[in-house]
């Protein structure tokens, strides 16, 4: 039964995340919301909706290790797995005009998460602080960013259809998240796998499926700015938005066993930022290297329980 719940949850998150973003973009455009706002929020952050719902559901279900592991594991998977696959399909150019600013926020968010983890708990006050930083990031982005191109790799639907997509996507995302957390928790307890490991692997990869689909689609169309921007935006939102919201709902104790993973997340982020400033593109060879690193990380995790 737990395996069926996980399978249903993964499929529902993939389908629901796609419908949620597509519906939100359609509704926003029909109400003349600027393309810049759509690009900065609904596309980059919308693909992180499964992580948000899953982490909040895990915290409310009394399994905070899954909530934190989901965020840490998703950020690692976004860079090594998803960006690695995208670069294999087509090299990803690193020439976003706002790269220095985005790099500062991505790197700073990763450092902040490590520091908070060292305190042993992400408290309610810390959650409020993370959300305040997210508001500052969005305010600065809205003021400084140029309008992105109209083609965001997501079709624009008529308003009635977009509304149906939005509602159906939200329902599937919430239902899928609850099923995934319940099933993953049951598997962890039945086989003696630590909840943090389940959060870092199965849950993290499952909730990253919308990023995978969007990034691969953008890479195939040669839209490197969308592919790379989606990864960077999701990384920021995962820490500031998802952890901030989850900590407001229920303070998150940090198990000592997950601290090495937060450092791996920080090192992975530093590796990506170093490559972005050192090279003009992330080549297929680099993408293959990312995938090998992720395979090594999975192998290391398998030895921790």
C-alpha atoms as a PDB file:
ATOM      1  CA  UNK A   1       0.000   0.000   0.000  1.00  0.00           C
ATOM      2  CA  UNK A   2       2.839   2.380   0.841  1.00  0.00           C
ATOM      3  CA  UNK A   3       4.461   1.717  -2.545  1.00  0.00           C
ATOM      4  CA  UNK A   4       1.160   2.477  -4.301  1.00  0.00           C
ATOM      5  CA  UNK A   5       0.848   5.712  -2.336  1.00  0.00           C
ATOM      6  CA  UNK A   6       4.358   6.739  -3.384  1.00  0.00           C
ATOM      7  CA  UNK A   7       3.686   5.874  -7.027  1.00  0.00           C
ATOM      8  CA  UNK A   8       0.414   7.804  -7.029  1.00  0.00           C
ATOM      9  CA  UNK A   9       2.067  10.722  -5.252  1.00  0.00           C
ATOM     10  CA  UNK A  10       4.906  10.947  -7.782  1.00  0.00           C
ATOM     11  CA  UNK A  11       2.554  10.859 -10.774  1.00  0.00           C
ATOM     12  CA  UNK A  12       0.150  13.349  -9.186  1.00  0.00           C
ATOM     13  CA  UNK A  13       3.005  15.750  -8.377  1.00  0.00           C
ATOM     14  CA  UNK A  14       4.357  15.586 -11.921  1.00  0.00           C
ATOM     15  CA  UNK A  15       0.977  16.121 -13.585  1.00  0.00           C
ATOM     16  CA  UNK A  16      -0.280  18.539 -10.952  1.00  0.00           C
ATOM     17  CA  UNK A  17       2.868  20.674 -10.992  1.00  0.00           C
ATOM     18  CA  UNK A  18       2.684  21.025 -14.772  1.00  0.00           C
ATOM     19  CA  UNK A  19      -1.030  21.916 -14.707  1.00  0.00           C
ATOM     20  CA  UNK A  20      -0.533  24.332 -11.815  1.00  0.00           C
ATOM     21  CA  UNK A  21       2.174  26.328 -13.585  1.00  0.00           C
ATOM     22  CA  UNK A  22       0.378  26.224 -16.937  1.00  0.00           C
ATOM     23  CA  UNK A  23      -2.918  27.326 -15.409  1.00  0.00           C
ATOM     24  CA  UNK A  24      -1.331  30.062 -13.314  1.00  0.00           C
ATOM     25  CA  UNK A  25       0.494  31.502 -16.322  1.00  0.00           C
ATOM     26  CA  UNK A  26      -2.687  31.404 -18.394  1.00  0.00           C
ATOM     27  CA  UNK A  27      -4.771  33.164 -15.734  1.00  0.00           C
ATOM     28  CA  UNK A  28      -2.063  35.758 -15.086  1.00  0.00           C
ATOM     29  CA  UNK A  29      -1.693  36.628 -18.768  1.00  0.00           C
ATOM     30  CA  UNK A  30      -5.458  36.944 -19.225  1.00  0.00           C
ATOM     31  CA  UNK A  31      -5.489  39.511 -16.409  1.00  0.00           C
ATOM     32  CA  UNK A  32      -2.603  41.421 -18.039  1.00  0.00           C
ATOM     33  CA  UNK A  33      -0.026  40.535 -15.410  1.00  0.00           C
ATOM     34  CA  UNK A  34       3.371  41.538 -16.736  1.00  0.00           C
ATOM     35  CA  UNK A  35       5.491  38.796 -18.339  1.00  0.00           C
ATOM     36  CA  UNK A  36       8.314  39.775 -15.970  1.00  0.00           C
ATOM     37  CA  UNK A  37       6.172  38.923 -12.941  1.00  0.00           C
ATOM     38  CA  UNK A  38       5.173  35.629 -14.562  1.00  0.00           C
ATOM     39  CA  UNK A  39       8.777  34.706 -15.285  1.00  0.00           C
ATOM     40  CA  UNK A  40      10.087  35.574 -11.836  1.00  0.00           C
ATOM     41  CA  UNK A  41       7.315  33.989  -9.828  1.00  0.00           C
ATOM     42  CA  UNK A  42       4.983  31.553 -11.555  1.00  0.00           C
ATOM     43  CA  UNK A  43       7.525  29.731 -13.710  1.00  0.00           C
ATOM     44  CA  UNK A  44      10.553  29.589 -11.402  1.00  0.00           C
ATOM     45  CA  UNK A  45       8.646  29.388  -8.136  1.00  0.00           C
ATOM     46  CA  UNK A  46       5.584  27.609  -9.492  1.00  0.00           C
ATOM     47  CA  UNK A  47       7.622  24.510 -10.301  1.00  0.00           C
ATOM     48  CA  UNK A  48       8.578  24.414  -6.604  1.00  0.00           C
ATOM     49  CA  UNK A  49       4.946  24.113  -5.496  1.00  0.00           C
ATOM     50  CA  UNK A  50       5.264  20.334  -4.898  1.00  0.00           C
ATOM     51  CA  UNK A  51       8.227  20.913  -2.567  1.00  0.00           C
ATOM     52  CA  UNK A  52       6.227  23.531  -0.655  1.00  0.00           C
ATOM     53  CA  UNK A  53       3.128  21.389  -0.181  1.00  0.00           C
ATOM     54  CA  UNK A  54       5.167  18.266   0.601  1.00  0.00           C
ATOM     55  CA  UNK A  55       7.352  19.975   3.212  1.00  0.00           C
ATOM     56  CA  UNK A  56       4.383  21.583   4.971  1.00  0.00           C
ATOM     57  CA  UNK A  57       2.514  18.260   4.889  1.00  0.00           C
ATOM     58  CA  UNK A  58       5.555  16.468   6.340  1.00  0.00           C
ATOM     59  CA  UNK A  59       5.897  19.018   9.150  1.00  0.00           C
ATOM     60  CA  UNK A  60       2.213  18.737  10.027  1.00  0.00           C
ATOM     61  CA  UNK A  61       2.486  14.928   9.935  1.00  0.00           C
ATOM     62  CA  UNK A  62       5.245  14.986  12.552  1.00  0.00           C
ATOM     63  CA  UNK A  63       8.104  14.005  10.213  1.00  0.00           C
ATOM     64  CA  UNK A  64      10.218  17.203  10.041  1.00  0.00           C
ATOM     65  CA  UNK A  65      13.236  15.231   8.794  1.00  0.00           C
ATOM     66  CA  UNK A  66      11.387  14.635   5.510  1.00  0.00           C
ATOM     67  CA  UNK A  67      10.513  18.341   5.274  1.00  0.00           C
ATOM     68  CA  UNK A  68      14.123  19.500   5.645  1.00  0.00           C
ATOM     69  CA  UNK A  69      15.547  16.595   3.644  1.00  0.00           C
ATOM     70  CA  UNK A  70      13.143  17.448   0.830  1.00  0.00           C
ATOM     71  CA  UNK A  71      14.546  20.983   0.503  1.00  0.00           C
ATOM     72  CA  UNK A  72      18.205  20.001   0.838  1.00  0.00           C
ATOM     73  CA  UNK A  73      17.837  17.013  -1.484  1.00  0.00           C
ATOM     74  CA  UNK A  74      15.850  19.014  -4.051  1.00  0.00           C
ATOM     75  CA  UNK A  75      18.540  21.697  -4.287  1.00  0.00           C
ATOM     76  CA  UNK A  76      21.223  19.048  -4.798  1.00  0.00           C
ATOM     77  CA  UNK A  77      19.091  17.208  -7.383  1.00  0.00           C
ATOM     78  CA  UNK A  78      18.231  20.437  -9.222  1.00  0.00           C
ATOM     79  CA  UNK A  79      21.907  21.155  -9.869  1.00  0.00           C
ATOM     80  CA  UNK A  80      23.531  17.744 -10.290  1.00  0.00           C
ATOM     81  CA  UNK A  81      20.656  15.715 -11.722  1.00  0.00           C
ATOM     82  CA  UNK A  82      18.328  18.115 -13.534  1.00  0.00           C
ATOM     83  CA  UNK A  83      20.901  20.591 -14.829  1.00  0.00           C
ATOM     84  CA  UNK A  84      23.151  17.645 -15.685  1.00  0.00           C
ATOM     85  CA  UNK A  85      20.424  16.077 -17.833  1.00  0.00           C
ATOM     86  CA  UNK A  86      19.640  19.442 -19.454  1.00  0.00           C
ATOM     87  CA  UNK A  87      23.314  20.010 -20.351  1.00  0.00           C
ATOM     88  CA  UNK A  88      23.523  16.539 -21.904  1.00  0.00           C
ATOM     89  CA  UNK A  89      20.587  17.418 -24.148  1.00  0.00           C
ATOM     90  CA  UNK A  90      22.094  20.769 -25.148  1.00  0.00           C
ATOM     91  CA  UNK A  91      24.898  22.821 -23.530  1.00  0.00           C
ATOM     92  CA  UNK A  92      23.425  25.480 -21.243  1.00  0.00           C
ATOM     93  CA  UNK A  93      24.721  28.992 -21.883  1.00  0.00           C
ATOM     94  CA  UNK A  94      25.512  31.080 -18.786  1.00  0.00           C
ATOM     95  CA  UNK A  95      24.914  34.619 -19.959  1.00  0.00           C
ATOM     96  CA  UNK A  96      21.928  35.783 -17.908  1.00  0.00           C
ATOM     97  CA  UNK A  97      22.118  39.596 -17.459  1.00  0.00           C
ATOM     98  CA  UNK A  98      21.219  39.290 -13.772  1.00  0.00           C
ATOM     99  CA  UNK A  99      23.739  36.500 -13.064  1.00  0.00           C
ATOM    100  CA  UNK A 100      25.774  38.329 -10.367  1.00  0.00           C
ATOM    101  CA  UNK A 101      22.639  39.211  -8.421  1.00  0.00           C
ATOM    102  CA  UNK A 102      21.119  35.738  -8.755  1.00  0.00           C
ATOM    103  CA  UNK A 103      24.414  34.124  -7.760  1.00  0.00           C
ATOM    104  CA  UNK A 104      24.574  36.254  -4.621  1.00  0.00           C
ATOM    105  CA  UNK A 105      21.092  35.197  -3.560  1.00  0.00           C
ATOM    106  CA  UNK A 106      21.563  31.514  -4.429  1.00  0.00           C
ATOM    107  CA  UNK A 107      24.892  31.300  -2.604  1.00  0.00           C
ATOM    108  CA  UNK A 108      23.724  33.413   0.329  1.00  0.00           C
ATOM    109  CA  UNK A 109      20.594  31.293   0.790  1.00  0.00           C
ATOM    110  CA  UNK A 110      22.679  28.104   0.868  1.00  0.00           C
ATOM    111  CA  UNK A 111      25.059  29.563   3.457  1.00  0.00           C
ATOM    112  CA  UNK A 112      22.114  30.746   5.563  1.00  0.00           C
ATOM    113  CA  UNK A 113      20.562  27.270   5.556  1.00  0.00           C
ATOM    114  CA  UNK A 114      23.826  25.715   6.758  1.00  0.00           C
ATOM    115  CA  UNK A 115      24.108  28.277   9.564  1.00  0.00           C
ATOM    116  CA  UNK A 116      20.507  27.699  10.654  1.00  0.00           C
ATOM    117  CA  UNK A 117      21.050  23.930  10.588  1.00  0.00           C
ATOM    118  CA  UNK A 118      24.011  24.278  12.943  1.00  0.00           C
ATOM    119  CA  UNK A 119      21.706  25.839  15.573  1.00  0.00           C
ATOM    120  CA  UNK A 120      19.766  22.559  15.811  1.00  0.00           C
ATOM    121  CA  UNK A 121      16.371  24.034  14.902  1.00  0.00           C
ATOM    122  CA  UNK A 122      14.766  26.288  12.315  1.00  0.00           C
ATOM    123  CA  UNK A 123      12.408  28.161  14.598  1.00  0.00           C
ATOM    124  CA  UNK A 124       9.269  30.156  13.830  1.00  0.00           C
ATOM    125  CA  UNK A 125      11.168  33.450  14.043  1.00  0.00           C
ATOM    126  CA  UNK A 126      13.779  32.146  11.609  1.00  0.00           C
ATOM    127  CA  UNK A 127      10.975  31.118   9.238  1.00  0.00           C
ATOM    128  CA  UNK A 128       9.574  34.639   9.328  1.00  0.00           C
ATOM    129  CA  UNK A 129      13.049  35.999   8.595  1.00  0.00           C
ATOM    130  CA  UNK A 130      13.443  33.696   5.583  1.00  0.00           C
ATOM    131  CA  UNK A 131      10.114  34.855   4.156  1.00  0.00           C
ATOM    132  CA  UNK A 132      11.113  38.483   4.721  1.00  0.00           C
ATOM    133  CA  UNK A 133      14.311  37.870   2.739  1.00  0.00           C
ATOM    134  CA  UNK A 134      12.235  36.304  -0.043  1.00  0.00           C
ATOM    135  CA  UNK A 135      10.113  39.459  -0.162  1.00  0.00           C
ATOM    136  CA  UNK A 136      13.280  41.572  -0.435  1.00  0.00           C
ATOM    137  CA  UNK A 137      14.551  39.349  -3.255  1.00  0.00           C
ATOM    138  CA  UNK A 138      11.303  39.646  -5.203  1.00  0.00           C
ATOM    139  CA  UNK A 139      11.113  43.407  -4.686  1.00  0.00           C
ATOM    140  CA  UNK A 140      14.653  43.845  -5.968  1.00  0.00           C
ATOM    141  CA  UNK A 141      14.034  41.497  -8.896  1.00  0.00           C
ATOM    142  CA  UNK A 142      10.916  43.372  -9.962  1.00  0.00           C
ATOM    143  CA  UNK A 143      12.769  46.672  -9.883  1.00  0.00           C
ATOM    144  CA  UNK A 144      15.953  45.623 -11.662  1.00  0.00           C
ATOM    145  CA  UNK A 145      15.069  42.823 -14.078  1.00  0.00           C
ATOM    146  CA  UNK A 146      14.198  43.328 -17.703  1.00  0.00           C
ATOM    147  CA  UNK A 147      11.081  41.724 -19.085  1.00  0.00           C
ATOM    148  CA  UNK A 148      11.743  38.117 -20.097  1.00  0.00           C
ATOM    149  CA  UNK A 149      10.659  36.933 -23.523  1.00  0.00           C
ATOM    150  CA  UNK A 150       6.980  36.133 -23.990  1.00  0.00           C
ATOM    151  CA  UNK A 151       7.768  32.488 -24.805  1.00  0.00           C
ATOM    152  CA  UNK A 152       8.254  30.900 -21.381  1.00  0.00           C
ATOM    153  CA  UNK A 153       8.025  27.334 -22.731  1.00  0.00           C
ATOM    154  CA  UNK A 154       4.496  27.140 -21.353  1.00  0.00           C
ATOM    155  CA  UNK A 155       1.414  27.432 -23.590  1.00  0.00           C
ATOM    156  CA  UNK A 156      -1.112  30.216 -23.014  1.00  0.00           C
ATOM    157  CA  UNK A 157      -4.630  28.815 -22.697  1.00  0.00           C
ATOM    158  CA  UNK A 158      -8.034  30.504 -22.756  1.00  0.00           C
ATOM    159  CA  UNK A 159      -9.133  31.771 -19.345  1.00  0.00           C
ATOM    160  CA  UNK A 160     -11.756  29.046 -18.606  1.00  0.00           C
ATOM    161  CA  UNK A 161      -9.329  26.266 -19.506  1.00  0.00           C
ATOM    162  CA  UNK A 162      -6.477  27.919 -17.591  1.00  0.00           C
ATOM    163  CA  UNK A 163      -8.702  28.209 -14.509  1.00  0.00           C
ATOM    164  CA  UNK A 164      -9.573  24.506 -14.700  1.00  0.00           C
ATOM    165  CA  UNK A 165      -5.861  23.665 -15.050  1.00  0.00           C
ATOM    166  CA  UNK A 166      -5.036  25.852 -12.043  1.00  0.00           C
ATOM    167  CA  UNK A 167      -7.638  24.236  -9.782  1.00  0.00           C
ATOM    168  CA  UNK A 168      -6.886  20.697 -10.968  1.00  0.00           C
ATOM    169  CA  UNK A 169      -3.138  21.269 -10.628  1.00  0.00           C
ATOM    170  CA  UNK A 170      -3.526  22.562  -7.080  1.00  0.00           C
ATOM    171  CA  UNK A 171      -5.708  19.604  -6.092  1.00  0.00           C
ATOM    172  CA  UNK A 172      -3.339  17.053  -7.642  1.00  0.00           C
ATOM    173  CA  UNK A 173      -0.284  18.713  -6.074  1.00  0.00           C
ATOM    174  CA  UNK A 174      -1.791  18.717  -2.595  1.00  0.00           C
ATOM    175  CA  UNK A 175      -3.149  15.178  -2.904  1.00  0.00           C
ATOM    176  CA  UNK A 176       0.085  13.889  -4.400  1.00  0.00           C
ATOM    177  CA  UNK A 177       2.168  15.498  -1.674  1.00  0.00           C
ATOM    178  CA  UNK A 178       0.084  13.953   1.094  1.00  0.00           C
ATOM    179  CA  UNK A 179       0.211  10.522  -0.564  1.00  0.00           C
ATOM    180  CA  UNK A 180       3.964  10.772  -1.155  1.00  0.00           C
ATOM    181  CA  UNK A 181       4.730  11.754   2.442  1.00  0.00           C
ATOM    182  CA  UNK A 182       2.467   9.058   3.892  1.00  0.00           C
ATOM    183  CA  UNK A 183       3.855   6.352   1.603  1.00  0.00           C
ATOM    184  CA  UNK A 184       7.487   7.391   2.028  1.00  0.00           C
ATOM    185  CA  UNK A 185       7.103   7.503   5.805  1.00  0.00           C
ATOM    186  CA  UNK A 186       5.571   4.028   5.807  1.00  0.00           C
ATOM    187  CA  UNK A 187       8.419   2.636   3.689  1.00  0.00           C
ATOM    188  CA  UNK A 188      11.027   4.283   5.914  1.00  0.00           C
ATOM    189  CA  UNK A 189       9.553   2.780   9.047  1.00  0.00           C
ATOM    190  CA  UNK A 190       8.969  -0.666   7.500  1.00  0.00           C
ATOM    191  CA  UNK A 191      12.523  -1.057   6.159  1.00  0.00           C
ATOM    192  CA  UNK A 192      14.372   0.906   8.845  1.00  0.00           C
ATOM    193  CA  UNK A 193      15.437   3.662   6.429  1.00  0.00           C
ATOM    194  CA  UNK A 194      15.923   6.999   8.234  1.00  0.00           C
ATOM    195  CA  UNK A 195      13.236   9.535   7.381  1.00  0.00           C
ATOM    196  CA  UNK A 196      15.915  12.079   6.481  1.00  0.00           C
ATOM    197  CA  UNK A 197      17.319   9.720   3.814  1.00  0.00           C
ATOM    198  CA  UNK A 198      13.836   9.217   2.327  1.00  0.00           C
ATOM    199  CA  UNK A 199      13.418  13.000   2.217  1.00  0.00           C
ATOM    200  CA  UNK A 200      16.834  13.487   0.591  1.00  0.00           C
ATOM    201  CA  UNK A 201      16.223  10.901  -2.125  1.00  0.00           C
ATOM    202  CA  UNK A 202      12.758   9.666  -3.043  1.00  0.00           C
ATOM    203  CA  UNK A 203      10.780  12.702  -1.878  1.00  0.00           C
ATOM    204  CA  UNK A 204      13.355  15.226  -3.120  1.00  0.00           C
ATOM    205  CA  UNK A 205      13.568  13.751  -6.619  1.00  0.00           C
ATOM    206  CA  UNK A 206       9.808  13.228  -6.798  1.00  0.00           C
ATOM    207  CA  UNK A 207       8.993  16.830  -5.939  1.00  0.00           C
ATOM    208  CA  UNK A 208      11.656  18.032  -8.409  1.00  0.00           C
ATOM    209  CA  UNK A 209       9.887  16.431 -11.382  1.00  0.00           C
ATOM    210  CA  UNK A 210       8.239  19.731 -12.465  1.00  0.00           C
ATOM    211  CA  UNK A 211      11.678  21.397 -12.551  1.00  0.00           C
ATOM    212  CA  UNK A 212      12.971  18.435 -14.557  1.00  0.00           C
ATOM    213  CA  UNK A 213      10.158  18.676 -17.112  1.00  0.00           C
ATOM    214  CA  UNK A 214      10.417  22.471 -17.461  1.00  0.00           C
ATOM    215  CA  UNK A 215      14.218  22.505 -17.658  1.00  0.00           C
ATOM    216  CA  UNK A 216      14.396  19.716 -20.240  1.00  0.00           C
ATOM    217  CA  UNK A 217      11.720  21.439 -22.350  1.00  0.00           C
ATOM    218  CA  UNK A 218      13.624  24.722 -22.221  1.00  0.00           C
ATOM    219  CA  UNK A 219      16.947  23.015 -23.005  1.00  0.00           C
ATOM    220  CA  UNK A 220      15.494  21.256 -26.058  1.00  0.00           C
ATOM    221  CA  UNK A 221      14.236  24.605 -27.357  1.00  0.00           C
ATOM    222  CA  UNK A 222      17.603  26.238 -26.786  1.00  0.00           C
ATOM    223  CA  UNK A 223      16.246  28.597 -24.097  1.00  0.00           C
ATOM    224  CA  UNK A 224      19.206  28.484 -21.732  1.00  0.00           C
ATOM    225  CA  UNK A 225      18.023  31.485 -19.722  1.00  0.00           C
ATOM    226  CA  UNK A 226      14.749  29.718 -18.883  1.00  0.00           C
ATOM    227  CA  UNK A 227      16.503  26.436 -18.042  1.00  0.00           C
ATOM    228  CA  UNK A 228      19.172  28.036 -15.853  1.00  0.00           C
ATOM    229  CA  UNK A 229      16.834  30.638 -14.362  1.00  0.00           C
ATOM    230  CA  UNK A 230      14.405  27.907 -13.331  1.00  0.00           C
ATOM    231  CA  UNK A 231      17.163  26.081 -11.412  1.00  0.00           C
ATOM    232  CA  UNK A 232      18.450  29.238  -9.714  1.00  0.00           C
ATOM    233  CA  UNK A 233      14.979  30.564  -8.891  1.00  0.00           C
ATOM    234  CA  UNK A 234      13.869  27.219  -7.476  1.00  0.00           C
ATOM    235  CA  UNK A 235      16.997  27.039  -5.306  1.00  0.00           C
ATOM    236  CA  UNK A 236      16.238  30.424  -3.773  1.00  0.00           C
ATOM    237  CA  UNK A 237      12.554  29.665  -3.251  1.00  0.00           C
ATOM    238  CA  UNK A 238      13.223  26.210  -1.775  1.00  0.00           C
ATOM    239  CA  UNK A 239      15.219  27.733   1.074  1.00  0.00           C
ATOM    240  CA  UNK A 240      13.610  31.121   1.649  1.00  0.00           C
ATOM    241  CA  UNK A 241      10.032  30.321   0.691  1.00  0.00           C
ATOM    242  CA  UNK A 242       9.516  26.654   1.487  1.00  0.00           C
ATOM    243  CA  UNK A 243      11.573  26.409   4.666  1.00  0.00           C
ATOM    244  CA  UNK A 244      10.277  29.790   5.772  1.00  0.00           C
ATOM    245  CA  UNK A 245       6.648  28.752   5.342  1.00  0.00           C
ATOM    246  CA  UNK A 246       7.212  25.312   6.869  1.00  0.00           C
ATOM    247  CA  UNK A 247       8.960  26.754   9.933  1.00  0.00           C
ATOM    248  CA  UNK A 248       6.060  29.160  10.440  1.00  0.00           C
ATOM    249  CA  UNK A 249       3.655  26.212  10.432  1.00  0.00           C
ATOM    250  CA  UNK A 250       5.814  24.083  12.757  1.00  0.00           C
ATOM    251  CA  UNK A 251       9.395  24.675  13.989  1.00  0.00           C
ATOM    252  CA  UNK A 252      11.810  22.241  12.312  1.00  0.00           C
ATOM    253  CA  UNK A 253      14.298  20.373  14.508  1.00  0.00           C
ATOM    254  CA  UNK A 254      17.493  19.572  12.605  1.00  0.00           C
ATOM    255  CA  UNK A 255      18.822  16.053  13.053  1.00  0.00           C
ATOM    256  CA  UNK A 256      22.652  15.872  13.274  1.00  0.00           C
ATOM    257  CA  UNK A 257      22.629  13.202  10.553  1.00  0.00           C
ATOM    258  CA  UNK A 258      21.485  15.721   7.917  1.00  0.00           C
ATOM    259  CA  UNK A 259      24.236  18.277   8.597  1.00  0.00           C
ATOM    260  CA  UNK A 260      26.714  16.637   6.148  1.00  0.00           C
ATOM    261  CA  UNK A 261      24.032  16.844   3.457  1.00  0.00           C
ATOM    262  CA  UNK A 262      23.600  20.574   4.008  1.00  0.00           C
ATOM    263  CA  UNK A 263      27.361  20.968   3.494  1.00  0.00           C
ATOM    264  CA  UNK A 264      27.133  18.887   0.301  1.00  0.00           C
ATOM    265  CA  UNK A 265      24.330  21.186  -0.860  1.00  0.00           C
ATOM    266  CA  UNK A 266      26.545  24.204  -0.149  1.00  0.00           C
ATOM    267  CA  UNK A 267      29.484  22.653  -2.017  1.00  0.00           C
ATOM    268  CA  UNK A 268      27.240  21.771  -4.968  1.00  0.00           C
ATOM    269  CA  UNK A 269      25.941  25.342  -5.098  1.00  0.00           C
ATOM    270  CA  UNK A 270      29.490  26.721  -4.949  1.00  0.00           C
ATOM    271  CA  UNK A 271      30.526  24.368  -7.775  1.00  0.00           C
ATOM    272  CA  UNK A 272      27.700  25.603 -10.004  1.00  0.00           C
ATOM    273  CA  UNK A 273      28.346  29.279  -9.293  1.00  0.00           C
ATOM    274  CA  UNK A 274      32.069  28.815  -9.899  1.00  0.00           C
ATOM    275  CA  UNK A 275      31.375  27.213 -13.273  1.00  0.00           C
ATOM    276  CA  UNK A 276      28.910  29.936 -14.249  1.00  0.00           C
ATOM    277  CA  UNK A 277      31.507  32.657 -13.669  1.00  0.00           C
ATOM    278  CA  UNK A 278      34.429  30.657 -15.054  1.00  0.00           C
ATOM    279  CA  UNK A 279      32.852  29.379 -18.266  1.00  0.00           C
ATOM    280  CA  UNK A 280      30.405  30.736 -20.820  1.00  0.00           C
ATOM    281  CA  UNK A 281      28.362  27.542 -20.833  1.00  0.00           C
ATOM    282  CA  UNK A 282      27.751  24.267 -19.031  1.00  0.00           C
ATOM    283  CA  UNK A 283      28.925  21.698 -21.583  1.00  0.00           C
ATOM    284  CA  UNK A 284      27.765  18.145 -22.157  1.00  0.00           C
ATOM    285  CA  UNK A 285      30.955  16.914 -20.485  1.00  0.00           C
ATOM    286  CA  UNK A 286      30.172  19.011 -17.424  1.00  0.00           C
ATOM    287  CA  UNK A 287      26.601  17.699 -17.442  1.00  0.00           C
ATOM    288  CA  UNK A 288      27.930  14.131 -17.465  1.00  0.00           C
ATOM    289  CA  UNK A 289      30.210  15.054 -14.562  1.00  0.00           C
ATOM    290  CA  UNK A 290      27.223  16.414 -12.623  1.00  0.00           C
ATOM    291  CA  UNK A 291      25.360  13.139 -13.138  1.00  0.00           C
ATOM    292  CA  UNK A 292      28.366  11.119 -11.949  1.00  0.00           C
ATOM    293  CA  UNK A 293      28.592  13.277  -8.841  1.00  0.00           C
ATOM    294  CA  UNK A 294      24.900  12.709  -8.154  1.00  0.00           C
ATOM    295  CA  UNK A 295      25.324   8.965  -8.582  1.00  0.00           C
ATOM    296  CA  UNK A 296      28.205   9.115  -6.107  1.00  0.00           C
ATOM    297  CA  UNK A 297      26.057  11.070  -3.655  1.00  0.00           C
ATOM    298  CA  UNK A 298      23.288   8.464  -3.919  1.00  0.00           C
ATOM    299  CA  UNK A 299      25.827   5.686  -3.362  1.00  0.00           C
ATOM    300  CA  UNK A 300      27.153   7.497  -0.276  1.00  0.00           C
ATOM    301  CA  UNK A 301      23.617   7.935   1.095  1.00  0.00           C
ATOM    302  CA  UNK A 302      22.956   4.220   0.655  1.00  0.00           C
ATOM    303  CA  UNK A 303      25.834   3.504   3.044  1.00  0.00           C
ATOM    304  CA  UNK A 304      24.493   5.785   5.798  1.00  0.00           C
ATOM    305  CA  UNK A 305      21.733   3.472   7.030  1.00  0.00           C
END
